[in-house]
């Protein structure tokens, strides 16, 4: 997710579509990617580094007790989403990708550089709240990475119409080519009815294309998981930082699958990162992963 928006709920009487409260965690997440060789030097943030080191004692303690920490699951979700995206690109080399809540994600730069040099004809839109979109635009422009096929747009997922809506962004794409929407680090900032409404809008909009896909991650409500008590503490910490809650969604994978199907997706695959330990070189855990990646087709 992105940086804090300038227009906060205190300065805007209509808070129904204000998502700016959730965005401060982007800096921390961006630094996790940077430290693990997944990002670009130009996306480095001093505030992200400060947040990373501030949380390191907490992460170290959690890892000592459970064998995993917040960083563990951030890396799992990022690498699994990359893997699933690569599989879709192999099937659809002309894929149009829209990464919503892109924050400091290096994914767009990496994918465009790799696959278009291999003969694919991808296009990529990085979308986020206006402040972060402007920052990302400057960063990528300075690197010479922006073009008609790699753009940055402002987006607020709660807007149902207008320039910043998901629908408006998708309407400008080529309707003869397939589309993939990616969100990472977004959905657990919203209560389930609110985010399911967004998923329903995504599914409906994606049906206008010959093939429409949506990849995201979900932190489920796994009450028996060894990490669960720490997830509850992390929720409180995130709530304090972002002035909002961090609800966990769905009690198991079956309920999760039915939830996405109920939003209008025709095919839903729920992936436990442990299924890909060897394939992706992920650190093998003695406990189950606390995150799931969901691949949907509209």
Protein backbone atom coordinates (compact mmCIF):
# COMPACT_ATOMS: atom_id res chain seq x y z
CA UNK A 1 0.00 0.00 0.00
CA UNK A 2 0.94 3.60 -0.43
CA UNK A 3 1.97 6.62 1.56
CA UNK A 4 -0.52 8.71 3.49
CA UNK A 5 -2.68 10.86 1.28
CA UNK A 6 -2.78 14.60 1.84
CA UNK A 7 -6.57 14.56 2.02
CA UNK A 8 -7.39 12.92 5.32
CA UNK A 9 -10.75 12.19 6.88
CA UNK A 10 -10.29 15.26 9.08
CA UNK A 11 -10.24 17.56 6.06
CA UNK A 12 -12.98 15.88 4.08
CA UNK A 13 -16.51 15.57 5.34
CA UNK A 14 -17.18 12.55 3.12
CA UNK A 15 -15.08 9.69 4.51
CA UNK A 16 -16.94 6.88 2.76
CA UNK A 17 -14.21 6.52 0.14
CA UNK A 18 -11.21 7.69 2.18
CA UNK A 19 -8.57 4.94 2.03
CA UNK A 20 -5.60 7.09 3.01
CA UNK A 21 -5.51 5.80 6.59
CA UNK A 22 -4.16 2.43 5.53
CA UNK A 23 -1.19 3.52 3.51
CA UNK A 24 1.72 4.07 5.86
CA UNK A 25 2.67 0.38 5.89
CA UNK A 26 3.92 0.68 2.29
CA UNK A 27 7.24 2.08 3.42
CA UNK A 28 7.92 -0.83 5.75
CA UNK A 29 6.89 -3.40 3.14
CA UNK A 30 8.95 -1.65 0.47
CA UNK A 31 12.03 -1.91 2.64
CA UNK A 32 11.44 -5.63 3.20
CA UNK A 33 11.53 -6.10 -0.56
CA UNK A 34 14.60 -3.87 -0.84
CA UNK A 35 16.55 -5.78 1.83
CA UNK A 36 15.75 -9.09 0.19
CA UNK A 37 16.93 -8.12 -3.27
CA UNK A 38 13.46 -7.86 -4.79
CA UNK A 39 13.38 -4.10 -5.36
CA UNK A 40 15.28 -1.34 -7.14
CA UNK A 41 17.74 1.01 -5.39
CA UNK A 42 15.68 3.95 -6.64
CA UNK A 43 12.69 2.71 -4.60
CA UNK A 44 14.65 2.84 -1.34
CA UNK A 45 13.03 4.89 1.44
CA UNK A 46 14.72 6.17 4.60
CA UNK A 47 11.39 6.12 6.42
CA UNK A 48 10.92 2.53 5.32
CA UNK A 49 14.33 1.64 6.68
CA UNK A 50 13.54 3.37 9.98
CA UNK A 51 10.27 1.46 10.27
CA UNK A 52 12.02 -1.80 9.46
CA UNK A 53 14.61 -1.39 12.19
CA UNK A 54 12.00 -0.20 14.67
CA UNK A 55 10.08 -3.44 14.19
CA UNK A 56 13.09 -5.72 14.01
CA UNK A 57 13.19 -6.53 17.76
CA UNK A 58 9.51 -7.48 17.63
CA UNK A 59 10.04 -9.61 14.53
CA UNK A 60 13.05 -11.33 16.09
CA UNK A 61 11.07 -12.19 19.21
CA UNK A 62 8.11 -13.54 17.22
CA UNK A 63 10.42 -15.60 15.04
CA UNK A 64 12.13 -17.06 18.11
CA UNK A 65 8.77 -18.20 19.49
CA UNK A 66 7.01 -19.36 16.31
CA UNK A 67 9.70 -19.88 13.67
CA UNK A 68 8.24 -17.14 11.46
CA UNK A 69 7.61 -13.41 11.57
CA UNK A 70 5.86 -10.64 9.66
CA UNK A 71 8.67 -10.47 7.10
CA UNK A 72 8.38 -14.21 6.44
CA UNK A 73 4.82 -13.89 5.20
CA UNK A 74 5.46 -10.66 3.28
CA UNK A 75 8.11 -12.48 1.27
CA UNK A 76 5.93 -15.56 0.80
CA UNK A 77 3.02 -13.60 -0.60
CA UNK A 78 5.20 -11.47 -2.88
CA UNK A 79 7.05 -14.40 -4.42
CA UNK A 80 3.92 -16.52 -4.84
CA UNK A 81 2.09 -13.64 -6.53
CA UNK A 82 5.09 -13.19 -8.85
CA UNK A 83 5.05 -16.91 -9.64
CA UNK A 84 1.35 -17.00 -10.46
CA UNK A 85 1.69 -13.86 -12.56
CA UNK A 86 4.53 -15.46 -14.53
CA UNK A 87 2.33 -18.47 -15.26
CA UNK A 88 -0.40 -16.22 -16.64
CA UNK A 89 2.12 -14.32 -18.78
CA UNK A 90 3.30 -17.64 -20.23
CA UNK A 91 -0.29 -18.35 -21.29
CA UNK A 92 -1.08 -14.77 -22.34
CA UNK A 93 2.06 -12.94 -23.58
CA UNK A 94 -0.07 -9.90 -24.47
CA UNK A 95 -1.45 -9.59 -20.93
CA UNK A 96 -2.51 -6.17 -19.66
CA UNK A 97 -1.63 -5.89 -15.95
CA UNK A 98 -3.09 -3.39 -13.50
CA UNK A 99 -1.43 -3.40 -10.07
CA UNK A 100 -3.68 -1.54 -7.65
CA UNK A 101 -2.21 -0.17 -4.41
CA UNK A 102 1.21 -0.60 -6.01
CA UNK A 103 3.04 1.44 -3.37
CA UNK A 104 6.78 0.87 -3.69
CA UNK A 105 6.31 -2.47 -5.43
CA UNK A 106 9.10 -3.22 -7.91
CA UNK A 107 6.93 -5.74 -9.76
CA UNK A 108 5.99 -3.55 -12.72
CA UNK A 109 9.57 -2.56 -13.48
CA UNK A 110 10.80 -6.14 -13.14
CA UNK A 111 8.11 -7.73 -15.28
CA UNK A 112 8.23 -5.15 -18.07
CA UNK A 113 12.02 -5.36 -18.28
CA UNK A 114 12.13 -9.14 -18.26
CA UNK A 115 9.21 -10.19 -20.43
CA UNK A 116 9.14 -7.49 -23.07
CA UNK A 117 12.82 -8.19 -23.69
CA UNK A 118 11.80 -11.83 -24.22
CA UNK A 119 9.33 -10.96 -26.97
CA UNK A 120 6.13 -10.51 -24.96
CA UNK A 121 3.90 -7.48 -25.45
CA UNK A 122 2.80 -6.72 -21.91
CA UNK A 123 1.35 -3.46 -20.73
CA UNK A 124 1.43 -2.40 -17.08
CA UNK A 125 -0.48 0.21 -15.10
CA UNK A 126 0.66 0.97 -11.56
CA UNK A 127 -2.18 2.52 -9.59
CA UNK A 128 -2.40 4.05 -6.14
CA UNK A 129 -3.73 7.01 -4.19
CA UNK A 130 -2.78 10.36 -5.76
CA UNK A 131 0.20 11.19 -3.52
CA UNK A 132 1.81 7.80 -3.94
CA UNK A 133 0.98 7.66 -7.63
CA UNK A 134 2.77 10.99 -8.10
CA UNK A 135 5.78 9.74 -6.13
CA UNK A 136 5.93 6.47 -8.06
CA UNK A 137 5.61 8.36 -11.34
CA UNK A 138 8.63 10.53 -10.43
CA UNK A 139 10.68 7.50 -9.41
CA UNK A 140 9.96 5.53 -12.57
CA UNK A 141 10.31 8.60 -14.79
CA UNK A 142 13.77 9.26 -13.34
CA UNK A 143 14.70 5.69 -14.23
CA UNK A 144 13.42 6.12 -17.78
CA UNK A 145 10.96 3.26 -17.32
CA UNK A 146 7.67 4.92 -18.21
CA UNK A 147 6.15 4.64 -21.67
CA UNK A 148 2.78 4.21 -23.34
CA UNK A 149 2.93 0.59 -22.17
CA UNK A 150 4.04 1.31 -18.59
CA UNK A 151 2.03 4.00 -16.86
CA UNK A 152 1.11 5.23 -13.39
CA UNK A 153 -2.47 6.19 -12.53
CA UNK A 154 -4.33 7.48 -9.48
CA UNK A 155 -6.85 5.01 -8.07
CA UNK A 156 -9.16 4.68 -5.08
CA UNK A 157 -10.78 1.25 -4.96
CA UNK A 158 -13.83 2.57 -3.12
CA UNK A 159 -14.73 5.02 -5.89
CA UNK A 160 -17.37 3.38 -8.10
CA UNK A 161 -17.12 5.96 -10.88
CA UNK A 162 -14.90 8.79 -12.00
CA UNK A 163 -11.26 9.03 -13.03
CA UNK A 164 -9.88 7.20 -9.98
CA UNK A 165 -12.26 4.24 -10.13
CA UNK A 166 -11.21 0.73 -11.11
CA UNK A 167 -13.91 0.75 -13.78
CA UNK A 168 -12.51 3.89 -15.42
CA UNK A 169 -8.96 2.53 -15.50
CA UNK A 170 -10.10 -0.76 -17.07
CA UNK A 171 -12.29 1.03 -19.61
CA UNK A 172 -9.18 2.51 -21.23
CA UNK A 173 -7.57 -0.87 -21.88
CA UNK A 174 -7.64 -2.88 -25.10
CA UNK A 175 -10.82 -4.97 -24.91
CA UNK A 176 -9.37 -7.55 -27.30
CA UNK A 177 -6.58 -8.49 -24.90
CA UNK A 178 -6.65 -10.30 -21.52
CA UNK A 179 -6.35 -8.39 -18.25
CA UNK A 180 -4.86 -9.20 -14.85
CA UNK A 181 -5.54 -7.13 -11.74
CA UNK A 182 -3.08 -7.54 -8.85
CA UNK A 183 -3.52 -6.26 -5.31
CA UNK A 184 -0.95 -6.98 -2.62
CA UNK A 185 -1.13 -5.76 0.95
CA UNK A 186 -4.57 -4.25 0.49
CA UNK A 187 -7.59 -6.40 1.24
CA UNK A 188 -7.13 -6.96 4.98
CA UNK A 189 -7.42 -3.24 5.65
CA UNK A 190 -11.16 -3.44 4.90
CA UNK A 191 -13.99 -5.31 6.55
CA UNK A 192 -15.29 -8.25 4.57
CA UNK A 193 -18.53 -6.74 3.19
CA UNK A 194 -16.64 -3.69 1.93
CA UNK A 195 -13.85 -5.60 0.20
CA UNK A 196 -16.26 -8.19 -1.21
CA UNK A 197 -18.17 -5.33 -2.84
CA UNK A 198 -14.90 -4.23 -4.47
CA UNK A 199 -14.22 -7.80 -5.63
CA UNK A 200 -17.71 -7.95 -7.12
CA UNK A 201 -17.04 -4.78 -9.10
CA UNK A 202 -13.70 -6.19 -10.28
CA UNK A 203 -15.29 -9.46 -11.43
CA UNK A 204 -17.99 -7.60 -13.34
CA UNK A 205 -15.51 -5.26 -15.03
CA UNK A 206 -13.13 -8.10 -15.96
CA UNK A 207 -15.88 -9.97 -17.81
CA UNK A 208 -15.64 -7.33 -20.57
CA UNK A 209 -12.32 -8.86 -21.70
CA UNK A 210 -11.57 -12.17 -23.46
CA UNK A 211 -9.95 -13.35 -20.22
CA UNK A 212 -9.92 -11.55 -16.89
CA UNK A 213 -7.90 -12.51 -13.83
CA UNK A 214 -7.40 -11.21 -10.32
CA UNK A 215 -4.56 -12.21 -7.96
CA UNK A 216 -4.42 -11.13 -4.34
CA UNK A 217 -3.40 -12.36 -0.91
CA UNK A 218 -5.59 -12.87 2.15
CA UNK A 219 -4.63 -13.30 5.78
CA UNK A 220 -7.31 -15.73 6.99
CA UNK A 221 -8.78 -15.95 10.48
CA UNK A 222 -6.87 -19.10 11.51
CA UNK A 223 -7.58 -19.15 15.23
CA UNK A 224 -5.62 -22.38 15.85
CA UNK A 225 -2.49 -21.16 14.06
CA UNK A 226 0.62 -20.71 16.30
CA UNK A 227 1.07 -17.23 14.80
CA UNK A 228 -2.52 -16.20 15.57
CA UNK A 229 -1.83 -14.47 18.93
CA UNK A 230 0.92 -12.45 17.27
CA UNK A 231 -1.34 -11.65 14.36
CA UNK A 232 -3.79 -10.17 16.85
CA UNK A 233 -1.02 -8.04 18.35
CA UNK A 234 0.06 -7.02 14.86
CA UNK A 235 -3.53 -5.99 14.10
CA UNK A 236 -3.48 -3.63 17.08
CA UNK A 237 -0.15 -2.20 15.97
CA UNK A 238 -1.38 -1.66 12.42
CA UNK A 239 -4.58 -0.11 13.78
CA UNK A 240 -2.54 2.38 15.79
CA UNK A 241 -0.40 3.29 12.78
CA UNK A 242 -3.20 3.52 10.24
CA UNK A 243 -6.10 4.76 12.36
CA UNK A 244 -8.17 1.74 11.38
CA UNK A 245 -8.63 -1.99 11.84
CA UNK A 246 -6.89 -4.91 10.10
CA UNK A 247 -9.59 -7.62 10.00
CA UNK A 248 -8.79 -11.23 9.12
CA UNK A 249 -11.03 -12.83 6.48
CA UNK A 250 -12.42 -16.38 6.25
CA UNK A 251 -11.84 -19.27 8.63
CA UNK A 252 -10.44 -21.73 6.07
CA UNK A 253 -9.64 -22.18 2.39
CA UNK A 254 -13.02 -23.67 1.49
CA UNK A 255 -14.89 -20.67 2.89
CA UNK A 256 -12.40 -18.36 1.17
CA UNK A 257 -13.01 -20.04 -2.19
CA UNK A 258 -16.78 -19.75 -1.78
CA UNK A 259 -16.39 -16.11 -0.81
CA UNK A 260 -14.63 -15.19 -4.05
CA UNK A 261 -17.05 -17.29 -6.09
CA UNK A 262 -19.90 -15.39 -4.44
CA UNK A 263 -18.35 -12.17 -5.74
CA UNK A 264 -18.70 -13.36 -9.32
CA UNK A 265 -15.43 -15.15 -10.07
CA UNK A 266 -15.94 -18.35 -12.06
CA UNK A 267 -12.68 -20.07 -11.15
CA UNK A 268 -10.90 -19.66 -7.82
CA UNK A 269 -7.62 -21.23 -6.71
CA UNK A 270 -6.42 -20.77 -3.12
CA UNK A 271 -2.68 -21.34 -2.76
CA UNK A 272 -0.82 -22.13 0.45
CA UNK A 273 2.79 -20.91 0.00
CA UNK A 274 4.03 -24.19 1.50
CA UNK A 275 2.99 -25.85 -1.77
CA UNK A 276 5.76 -23.89 -3.48
CA UNK A 277 8.61 -24.07 -0.96
CA UNK A 278 10.88 -25.99 -3.32
CA UNK A 279 9.72 -24.32 -6.54
CA UNK A 280 10.35 -20.80 -5.25
CA UNK A 281 13.16 -21.48 -2.80
CA UNK A 282 11.09 -20.24 0.12
CA UNK A 283 12.30 -20.89 3.65
CA UNK A 284 10.65 -24.09 4.85
CA UNK A 285 8.60 -23.48 7.99
CA UNK A 286 7.68 -25.91 10.73
CA UNK A 287 4.30 -24.18 11.06
CA UNK A 288 1.64 -23.55 8.43
CA UNK A 289 1.80 -20.31 6.53
CA UNK A 290 -0.44 -17.52 7.84
CA UNK A 291 -1.17 -16.14 4.37
CA UNK A 292 -2.93 -17.45 1.26
CA UNK A 293 -2.67 -16.27 -2.33
CA UNK A 294 -5.88 -16.38 -4.35
CA UNK A 295 -5.95 -16.62 -8.15
CA UNK A 296 -9.33 -15.80 -9.69
CA UNK A 297 -10.74 -15.87 -13.20
CA UNK A 298 -13.86 -13.85 -13.95
